[in-house]
Amino acid sequence: MKQQGVYFTVEKIRDAYLGVKSKVQMLLTVFREHNAELRLRIGKNITAKGVQKYGRAIDNIFIERFWRNIKYEKIYLKPSDDGLELYDKIKSNLTLEDRCLKIGSI
């Protein structure tokens, strides 16, 4: 089969589906590359505000991951009896993460 001057075979379709010979990248790397390409296109076919929207999406990834961890570790796996106990769990988790970040930066 030929489309736009490129031949497609069953093997190529199968390999693409299975990810054979594909470059594995972290999702954040893909987002950053995408945003860098968008910044180059500002004024051509995208606005600066449009690019900012994608930048905020990356920022939100970290916040979403943080709250997902809190939700699963502190609420679902070990439910609290009251709000104060939950507050103490979240506070201890933040203190631990802060210590780990400081130790890791040394």
C-alpha atoms as a PDB file:
ATOM      1  CA  MET A   1       0.000   0.000   0.000  1.00  0.00           C
ATOM      2  CA  LYS A   2       1.321   3.455  -0.855  1.00  0.00           C
ATOM      3  CA  GLN A   3       0.250   6.721   0.744  1.00  0.00           C
ATOM      4  CA  GLN A   4       1.904  10.107   0.136  1.00  0.00           C
ATOM      5  CA  GLY A   5       4.833   8.438  -1.614  1.00  0.00           C
ATOM      6  CA  VAL A   6       5.595   6.061   1.278  1.00  0.00           C
ATOM      7  CA  TYR A   7       5.025   2.328   1.107  1.00  0.00           C
ATOM      8  CA  PHE A   8       3.288   0.662   4.026  1.00  0.00           C
ATOM      9  CA  THR A   9       3.641  -3.040   4.631  1.00  0.00           C
ATOM     10  CA  VAL A  10       2.016  -5.336   7.133  1.00  0.00           C
ATOM     11  CA  GLU A  11       5.377  -5.621   8.890  1.00  0.00           C
ATOM     12  CA  LYS A  12       5.759  -1.824   9.216  1.00  0.00           C
ATOM     13  CA  ILE A  13       2.256  -1.484  10.616  1.00  0.00           C
ATOM     14  CA  ARG A  14       2.827  -4.373  13.044  1.00  0.00           C
ATOM     15  CA  ASP A  15       6.192  -2.945  14.186  1.00  0.00           C
ATOM     16  CA  ALA A  16       4.681   0.512  14.691  1.00  0.00           C
ATOM     17  CA  TYR A  17       1.842  -0.986  16.717  1.00  0.00           C
ATOM     18  CA  LEU A  18       4.225  -3.042  18.874  1.00  0.00           C
ATOM     19  CA  GLY A  19       6.728  -0.227  19.237  1.00  0.00           C
ATOM     20  CA  VAL A  20       9.545  -2.143  17.556  1.00  0.00           C
ATOM     21  CA  LYS A  21      12.497   0.096  16.692  1.00  0.00           C
ATOM     22  CA  SER A  22      10.804   3.053  18.326  1.00  0.00           C
ATOM     23  CA  LYS A  23      12.631   5.520  20.533  1.00  0.00           C
ATOM     24  CA  VAL A  24      11.433   5.378  24.126  1.00  0.00           C
ATOM     25  CA  GLN A  25      11.012   8.805  25.735  1.00  0.00           C
ATOM     26  CA  MET A  26       9.669  10.055  29.000  1.00  0.00           C
ATOM     27  CA  LEU A  27       6.377  11.907  28.650  1.00  0.00           C
ATOM     28  CA  LEU A  28       7.825  15.092  30.137  1.00  0.00           C
ATOM     29  CA  THR A  29      10.601  15.045  27.532  1.00  0.00           C
ATOM     30  CA  VAL A  30       8.010  14.799  24.774  1.00  0.00           C
ATOM     31  CA  PHE A  31       6.051  17.707  26.307  1.00  0.00           C
ATOM     32  CA  ARG A  32       9.187  19.860  26.558  1.00  0.00           C
ATOM     33  CA  GLU A  33      10.178  19.163  22.942  1.00  0.00           C
ATOM     34  CA  HIS A  34       6.631  19.927  21.824  1.00  0.00           C
ATOM     35  CA  ASN A  35       6.613  23.221  23.734  1.00  0.00           C
ATOM     36  CA  ALA A  36      10.005  24.206  22.307  1.00  0.00           C
ATOM     37  CA  GLU A  37       8.665  23.618  18.792  1.00  0.00           C
ATOM     38  CA  LEU A  38       5.571  25.682  19.583  1.00  0.00           C
ATOM     39  CA  ARG A  39       7.667  28.595  20.865  1.00  0.00           C
ATOM     40  CA  LEU A  40       9.413  28.693  17.482  1.00  0.00           C
ATOM     41  CA  ARG A  41       6.009  28.990  15.770  1.00  0.00           C
ATOM     42  CA  ILE A  42       4.726  31.951  17.813  1.00  0.00           C
ATOM     43  CA  GLY A  43       3.350  34.553  15.422  1.00  0.00           C
ATOM     44  CA  LYS A  44       3.160  32.121  12.499  1.00  0.00           C
ATOM     45  CA  ASN A  45       0.266  29.859  13.367  1.00  0.00           C
ATOM     46  CA  ILE A  46       0.042  30.001  17.165  1.00  0.00           C
ATOM     47  CA  THR A  47      -0.170  32.781  19.739  1.00  0.00           C
ATOM     48  CA  ALA A  48       2.022  33.265  22.808  1.00  0.00           C
ATOM     49  CA  LYS A  49      -1.007  32.601  25.018  1.00  0.00           C
ATOM     50  CA  GLY A  50      -1.505  29.271  23.281  1.00  0.00           C
ATOM     51  CA  VAL A  51       2.061  28.280  24.105  1.00  0.00           C
ATOM     52  CA  GLN A  52       1.605  29.375  27.739  1.00  0.00           C
ATOM     53  CA  LYS A  53      -1.340  26.982  27.994  1.00  0.00           C
ATOM     54  CA  TYR A  54       0.930  24.048  27.174  1.00  0.00           C
ATOM     55  CA  GLY A  55       3.548  25.248  29.670  1.00  0.00           C
ATOM     56  CA  ARG A  56       0.958  25.297  32.432  1.00  0.00           C
ATOM     57  CA  ALA A  57       0.021  21.721  31.563  1.00  0.00           C
ATOM     58  CA  ILE A  58       3.552  20.598  32.447  1.00  0.00           C
ATOM     59  CA  ASP A  59       3.396  22.506  35.739  1.00  0.00           C
ATOM     60  CA  ASN A  60       0.099  20.795  36.538  1.00  0.00           C
ATOM     61  CA  ILE A  61       1.626  17.339  36.035  1.00  0.00           C
ATOM     62  CA  PHE A  62       3.693  17.704  39.200  1.00  0.00           C
ATOM     63  CA  ILE A  63       0.774  18.986  41.270  1.00  0.00           C
ATOM     64  CA  GLU A  64      -1.502  16.215  39.984  1.00  0.00           C
ATOM     65  CA  ARG A  65       1.118  13.579  40.825  1.00  0.00           C
ATOM     66  CA  PHE A  66       1.540  15.013  44.314  1.00  0.00           C
ATOM     67  CA  TRP A  67      -2.203  14.923  45.053  1.00  0.00           C
ATOM     68  CA  ARG A  68      -2.570  11.485  43.470  1.00  0.00           C
ATOM     69  CA  ASN A  69       0.104  10.152  45.832  1.00  0.00           C
ATOM     70  CA  ILE A  70      -1.587  11.793  48.810  1.00  0.00           C
ATOM     71  CA  LYS A  71      -4.954  10.424  47.746  1.00  0.00           C
ATOM     72  CA  TYR A  72      -3.804   6.829  47.335  1.00  0.00           C
ATOM     73  CA  GLU A  73      -1.252   6.596  50.140  1.00  0.00           C
ATOM     74  CA  LYS A  74      -2.962   8.673  52.800  1.00  0.00           C
ATOM     75  CA  ILE A  75      -6.672   8.301  52.025  1.00  0.00           C
ATOM     76  CA  TYR A  76      -7.351   5.029  50.209  1.00  0.00           C
ATOM     77  CA  LEU A  77      -4.661   2.752  51.645  1.00  0.00           C
ATOM     78  CA  LYS A  78      -4.633   4.147  55.180  1.00  0.00           C
ATOM     79  CA  PRO A  79      -7.902   6.013  55.800  1.00  0.00           C
ATOM     80  CA  SER A  80      -7.858   8.601  58.586  1.00  0.00           C
ATOM     81  CA  ASP A  81     -10.393   8.717  61.397  1.00  0.00           C
ATOM     82  CA  ASP A  82     -10.712  12.499  61.206  1.00  0.00           C
ATOM     83  CA  GLY A  83      -9.432  15.605  59.441  1.00  0.00           C
ATOM     84  CA  LEU A  84      -6.718  16.302  62.008  1.00  0.00           C
ATOM     85  CA  GLU A  85      -5.176  12.872  61.521  1.00  0.00           C
ATOM     86  CA  LEU A  86      -5.224  13.368  57.742  1.00  0.00           C
ATOM     87  CA  TYR A  87      -3.603  16.796  58.184  1.00  0.00           C
ATOM     88  CA  ASP A  88      -0.829  15.247  60.295  1.00  0.00           C
ATOM     89  CA  LYS A  89      -0.219  12.548  57.656  1.00  0.00           C
ATOM     90  CA  ILE A  90       0.036  15.094  54.844  1.00  0.00           C
ATOM     91  CA  LYS A  91       2.290  17.337  56.943  1.00  0.00           C
ATOM     92  CA  SER A  92       4.643  14.453  57.759  1.00  0.00           C
ATOM     93  CA  ASN A  93       4.722  13.464  54.083  1.00  0.00           C
ATOM     94  CA  LEU A  94       5.654  17.017  53.044  1.00  0.00           C
ATOM     95  CA  THR A  95       8.341  17.202  55.738  1.00  0.00           C
ATOM     96  CA  LEU A  96       9.808  13.886  54.573  1.00  0.00           C
ATOM     97  CA  GLU A  97       9.824  14.983  50.917  1.00  0.00           C
ATOM     98  CA  ASP A  98      11.463  18.287  51.869  1.00  0.00           C
ATOM     99  CA  ARG A  99      14.217  16.447  53.770  1.00  0.00           C
ATOM    100  CA  CYS A 100      14.773  14.064  50.864  1.00  0.00           C
ATOM    101  CA  LEU A 101      15.071  16.964  48.428  1.00  0.00           C
ATOM    102  CA  LYS A 102      17.603  18.721  50.650  1.00  0.00           C
ATOM    103  CA  ILE A 103      19.666  15.539  51.078  1.00  0.00           C
ATOM    104  CA  GLY A 104      19.498  14.813  47.350  1.00  0.00           C
ATOM    105  CA  SER A 105      20.762  18.287  46.456  1.00  0.00           C
ATOM    106  CA  ILE A 106      23.919  17.947  48.541  1.00  0.00           C
END
